[in-house]
């Protein structure tokens, strides 16, 4: 069983996201009030595995939820191992993985401190196929 550990948003692009009590996923848009949401955009929501964050932290990284720009931190799913097109259900919401990893053009502060960042290889992006409210503790399953 996979569990949502954190939900995070930011009001501006290029800034770290901050944990929230809950988020509202909007169909074909992303997370309400998040800087990276938008229709006709395939990277509406970003996801990162809790396990991958913990491994990175064990190597000395001082990071918290949202530091990588991730919207959803989920325990129990290795997102980078799932193919594009995989659907994930969480409550009423339904996501579809649209991209695995991303190019890091200007290297974030994490990269400059650690010499690498896990988001380019471990982070995934998704489109919102069906909206809904999600919060830490909710279960996420392949659909």
C-alpha atoms as a PDB file:
ATOM      1  CA  UNK A   1       0.000   0.000   0.000  1.00  0.00           C
ATOM      2  CA  UNK A   2       1.313   3.448  -0.919  1.00  0.00           C
ATOM      3  CA  UNK A   3       0.615   6.452   1.259  1.00  0.00           C
ATOM      4  CA  UNK A   4       0.797  10.190   0.639  1.00  0.00           C
ATOM      5  CA  UNK A   5       3.424  11.552   3.058  1.00  0.00           C
ATOM      6  CA  UNK A   6       3.268  15.234   2.063  1.00  0.00           C
ATOM      7  CA  UNK A   7       1.438  17.562  -0.315  1.00  0.00           C
ATOM      8  CA  UNK A   8       3.297  20.745  -1.257  1.00  0.00           C
ATOM      9  CA  UNK A   9       2.676  23.916  -3.256  1.00  0.00           C
ATOM     10  CA  UNK A  10       4.385  27.171  -4.149  1.00  0.00           C
ATOM     11  CA  UNK A  11       2.983  30.457  -5.386  1.00  0.00           C
ATOM     12  CA  UNK A  12       5.986  31.228  -7.621  1.00  0.00           C
ATOM     13  CA  UNK A  13       8.032  29.136 -10.044  1.00  0.00           C
ATOM     14  CA  UNK A  14      11.668  28.653  -9.105  1.00  0.00           C
ATOM     15  CA  UNK A  15      10.967  28.524  -5.373  1.00  0.00           C
ATOM     16  CA  UNK A  16      10.776  25.591  -2.979  1.00  0.00           C
ATOM     17  CA  UNK A  17       7.318  24.254  -2.300  1.00  0.00           C
ATOM     18  CA  UNK A  18       5.862  24.258   1.206  1.00  0.00           C
ATOM     19  CA  UNK A  19       3.852  21.448   2.821  1.00  0.00           C
ATOM     20  CA  UNK A  20       0.096  21.990   3.057  1.00  0.00           C
ATOM     21  CA  UNK A  21      -2.681  20.265   5.009  1.00  0.00           C
ATOM     22  CA  UNK A  22      -4.386  19.274   1.735  1.00  0.00           C
ATOM     23  CA  UNK A  23      -4.445  20.176  -1.951  1.00  0.00           C
ATOM     24  CA  UNK A  24      -7.168  20.267  -4.561  1.00  0.00           C
ATOM     25  CA  UNK A  25      -6.341  18.626  -7.884  1.00  0.00           C
ATOM     26  CA  UNK A  26      -8.197  20.230 -10.774  1.00  0.00           C
ATOM     27  CA  UNK A  27      -8.872  18.189 -13.918  1.00  0.00           C
ATOM     28  CA  UNK A  28      -6.575  19.080 -16.818  1.00  0.00           C
ATOM     29  CA  UNK A  29      -4.980  21.859 -14.758  1.00  0.00           C
ATOM     30  CA  UNK A  30      -2.984  20.622 -11.769  1.00  0.00           C
ATOM     31  CA  UNK A  31      -3.011  21.687  -8.147  1.00  0.00           C
ATOM     32  CA  UNK A  32      -5.159  24.677  -7.324  1.00  0.00           C
ATOM     33  CA  UNK A  33      -3.001  27.703  -6.387  1.00  0.00           C
ATOM     34  CA  UNK A  34       0.283  26.023  -7.385  1.00  0.00           C
ATOM     35  CA  UNK A  35       2.679  27.935  -9.641  1.00  0.00           C
ATOM     36  CA  UNK A  36       3.266  24.944 -11.943  1.00  0.00           C
ATOM     37  CA  UNK A  37      -0.382  24.195 -12.675  1.00  0.00           C
ATOM     38  CA  UNK A  38      -1.833  25.008 -16.075  1.00  0.00           C
ATOM     39  CA  UNK A  39      -3.988  23.543 -18.796  1.00  0.00           C
ATOM     40  CA  UNK A  40      -2.402  22.220 -21.980  1.00  0.00           C
ATOM     41  CA  UNK A  41       0.727  21.427 -19.953  1.00  0.00           C
ATOM     42  CA  UNK A  42       1.894  17.879 -19.302  1.00  0.00           C
ATOM     43  CA  UNK A  43       3.780  18.649 -16.060  1.00  0.00           C
ATOM     44  CA  UNK A  44       0.771  19.669 -13.955  1.00  0.00           C
ATOM     45  CA  UNK A  45       1.806  17.729 -10.820  1.00  0.00           C
ATOM     46  CA  UNK A  46       5.247  16.513  -9.705  1.00  0.00           C
ATOM     47  CA  UNK A  47       5.755  13.373  -7.623  1.00  0.00           C
ATOM     48  CA  UNK A  48       8.734  11.975  -5.752  1.00  0.00           C
ATOM     49  CA  UNK A  49       9.195   8.747  -3.808  1.00  0.00           C
ATOM     50  CA  UNK A  50       9.617   9.159  -0.050  1.00  0.00           C
ATOM     51  CA  UNK A  51      12.138   6.304  -0.058  1.00  0.00           C
ATOM     52  CA  UNK A  52      14.356   8.076  -2.616  1.00  0.00           C
ATOM     53  CA  UNK A  53      14.306  11.248  -0.502  1.00  0.00           C
ATOM     54  CA  UNK A  54      15.298   9.265   2.606  1.00  0.00           C
ATOM     55  CA  UNK A  55      18.219   7.598   0.783  1.00  0.00           C
ATOM     56  CA  UNK A  56      19.401  11.029  -0.367  1.00  0.00           C
ATOM     57  CA  UNK A  57      19.078  12.408   3.177  1.00  0.00           C
ATOM     58  CA  UNK A  58      21.136   9.499   4.532  1.00  0.00           C
ATOM     59  CA  UNK A  59      23.992  10.730   2.335  1.00  0.00           C
ATOM     60  CA  UNK A  60      23.971  14.051   4.174  1.00  0.00           C
ATOM     61  CA  UNK A  61      21.405  16.133   2.298  1.00  0.00           C
ATOM     62  CA  UNK A  62      19.519  18.557   4.536  1.00  0.00           C
ATOM     63  CA  UNK A  63      16.190  18.587   2.712  1.00  0.00           C
ATOM     64  CA  UNK A  64      12.557  18.723   3.710  1.00  0.00           C
ATOM     65  CA  UNK A  65       9.332  18.044   1.840  1.00  0.00           C
ATOM     66  CA  UNK A  66       8.971  20.417  -1.101  1.00  0.00           C
ATOM     67  CA  UNK A  67      12.693  21.221  -1.414  1.00  0.00           C
ATOM     68  CA  UNK A  68      12.956  19.427  -4.756  1.00  0.00           C
ATOM     69  CA  UNK A  69       9.908  21.255  -6.110  1.00  0.00           C
ATOM     70  CA  UNK A  70       7.762  18.158  -5.694  1.00  0.00           C
ATOM     71  CA  UNK A  71       4.020  18.438  -5.127  1.00  0.00           C
ATOM     72  CA  UNK A  72       3.440  14.942  -3.787  1.00  0.00           C
ATOM     73  CA  UNK A  73       5.742  12.793  -1.654  1.00  0.00           C
ATOM     74  CA  UNK A  74       4.529   9.197  -1.642  1.00  0.00           C
ATOM     75  CA  UNK A  75       5.761   6.228   0.394  1.00  0.00           C
ATOM     76  CA  UNK A  76       5.741   2.831  -1.283  1.00  0.00           C
ATOM     77  CA  UNK A  77       6.007   3.682  -4.995  1.00  0.00           C
ATOM     78  CA  UNK A  78       9.191   3.837  -7.072  1.00  0.00           C
ATOM     79  CA  UNK A  79       7.882   6.389  -9.563  1.00  0.00           C
ATOM     80  CA  UNK A  80      10.947   6.312 -11.831  1.00  0.00           C
ATOM     81  CA  UNK A  81      10.310   2.591 -12.460  1.00  0.00           C
ATOM     82  CA  UNK A  82       6.790   3.208 -13.790  1.00  0.00           C
ATOM     83  CA  UNK A  83       6.234   3.840 -17.502  1.00  0.00           C
ATOM     84  CA  UNK A  84       4.726   7.010 -18.931  1.00  0.00           C
ATOM     85  CA  UNK A  85       0.971   6.451 -19.130  1.00  0.00           C
ATOM     86  CA  UNK A  86       0.684   4.744 -15.731  1.00  0.00           C
ATOM     87  CA  UNK A  87      -2.446   5.913 -13.945  1.00  0.00           C
ATOM     88  CA  UNK A  88      -2.512   6.531 -10.205  1.00  0.00           C
ATOM     89  CA  UNK A  89      -5.667   6.874  -8.109  1.00  0.00           C
ATOM     90  CA  UNK A  90      -5.877   8.750  -4.842  1.00  0.00           C
ATOM     91  CA  UNK A  91      -9.363   9.132  -3.410  1.00  0.00           C
ATOM     92  CA  UNK A  92     -11.495  10.633  -6.182  1.00  0.00           C
ATOM     93  CA  UNK A  93      -8.449  11.983  -8.034  1.00  0.00           C
ATOM     94  CA  UNK A  94      -6.814  10.247 -10.986  1.00  0.00           C
ATOM     95  CA  UNK A  95      -3.347  11.113 -12.324  1.00  0.00           C
ATOM     96  CA  UNK A  96      -1.486   9.886 -15.401  1.00  0.00           C
ATOM     97  CA  UNK A  97       2.312   9.897 -15.484  1.00  0.00           C
ATOM     98  CA  UNK A  98       3.365  12.089 -18.398  1.00  0.00           C
ATOM     99  CA  UNK A  99       7.140  12.461 -17.951  1.00  0.00           C
ATOM    100  CA  UNK A 100       9.909  10.743 -16.016  1.00  0.00           C
ATOM    101  CA  UNK A 101      12.676  13.031 -14.808  1.00  0.00           C
ATOM    102  CA  UNK A 102      13.550  16.449 -16.157  1.00  0.00           C
ATOM    103  CA  UNK A 103      16.569  18.326 -17.370  1.00  0.00           C
ATOM    104  CA  UNK A 104      18.029  20.606 -14.720  1.00  0.00           C
ATOM    105  CA  UNK A 105      19.159  23.681 -16.661  1.00  0.00           C
ATOM    106  CA  UNK A 106      20.618  25.906 -13.976  1.00  0.00           C
ATOM    107  CA  UNK A 107      21.199  23.418 -11.135  1.00  0.00           C
ATOM    108  CA  UNK A 108      19.338  24.062  -7.911  1.00  0.00           C
ATOM    109  CA  UNK A 109      20.846  24.800  -4.505  1.00  0.00           C
ATOM    110  CA  UNK A 110      20.606  21.098  -3.628  1.00  0.00           C
ATOM    111  CA  UNK A 111      22.821  20.269  -6.617  1.00  0.00           C
ATOM    112  CA  UNK A 112      25.362  22.913  -5.661  1.00  0.00           C
ATOM    113  CA  UNK A 113      25.501  21.589  -2.082  1.00  0.00           C
ATOM    114  CA  UNK A 114      25.434  17.835  -2.783  1.00  0.00           C
ATOM    115  CA  UNK A 115      26.868  17.626  -6.318  1.00  0.00           C
ATOM    116  CA  UNK A 116      23.627  16.120  -7.573  1.00  0.00           C
ATOM    117  CA  UNK A 117      19.852  16.341  -7.255  1.00  0.00           C
ATOM    118  CA  UNK A 118      17.435  13.398  -7.394  1.00  0.00           C
ATOM    119  CA  UNK A 119      14.544  15.197  -9.095  1.00  0.00           C
ATOM    120  CA  UNK A 120      16.026  14.929 -12.623  1.00  0.00           C
ATOM    121  CA  UNK A 121      16.214  11.130 -12.389  1.00  0.00           C
ATOM    122  CA  UNK A 122      13.677  10.142  -9.707  1.00  0.00           C
ATOM    123  CA  UNK A 123      10.932  12.734 -10.041  1.00  0.00           C
ATOM    124  CA  UNK A 124       7.967  12.207 -12.313  1.00  0.00           C
ATOM    125  CA  UNK A 125       5.279  14.479 -13.659  1.00  0.00           C
ATOM    126  CA  UNK A 126       1.608  13.808 -14.210  1.00  0.00           C
ATOM    127  CA  UNK A 127      -1.532  15.232 -15.748  1.00  0.00           C
ATOM    128  CA  UNK A 128      -4.724  15.396 -13.712  1.00  0.00           C
ATOM    129  CA  UNK A 129      -7.372  13.248 -15.408  1.00  0.00           C
ATOM    130  CA  UNK A 130      -9.908  13.610 -12.590  1.00  0.00           C
ATOM    131  CA  UNK A 131      -9.791  16.108  -9.765  1.00  0.00           C
ATOM    132  CA  UNK A 132     -10.238  15.730  -6.040  1.00  0.00           C
ATOM    133  CA  UNK A 133      -8.860  16.719  -2.658  1.00  0.00           C
ATOM    134  CA  UNK A 134      -5.845  14.801  -1.326  1.00  0.00           C
ATOM    135  CA  UNK A 135      -3.930  15.027   1.927  1.00  0.00           C
ATOM    136  CA  UNK A 136      -1.172  13.270   3.844  1.00  0.00           C
ATOM    137  CA  UNK A 137      -2.316   9.822   4.938  1.00  0.00           C
ATOM    138  CA  UNK A 138      -4.377   9.180   1.808  1.00  0.00           C
ATOM    139  CA  UNK A 139      -3.681   5.971  -0.109  1.00  0.00           C
ATOM    140  CA  UNK A 140      -2.378   6.050  -3.713  1.00  0.00           C
ATOM    141  CA  UNK A 141      -2.743   3.001  -5.944  1.00  0.00           C
ATOM    142  CA  UNK A 142      -2.117   2.151  -9.589  1.00  0.00           C
ATOM    143  CA  UNK A 143      -5.426   2.452 -11.420  1.00  0.00           C
END
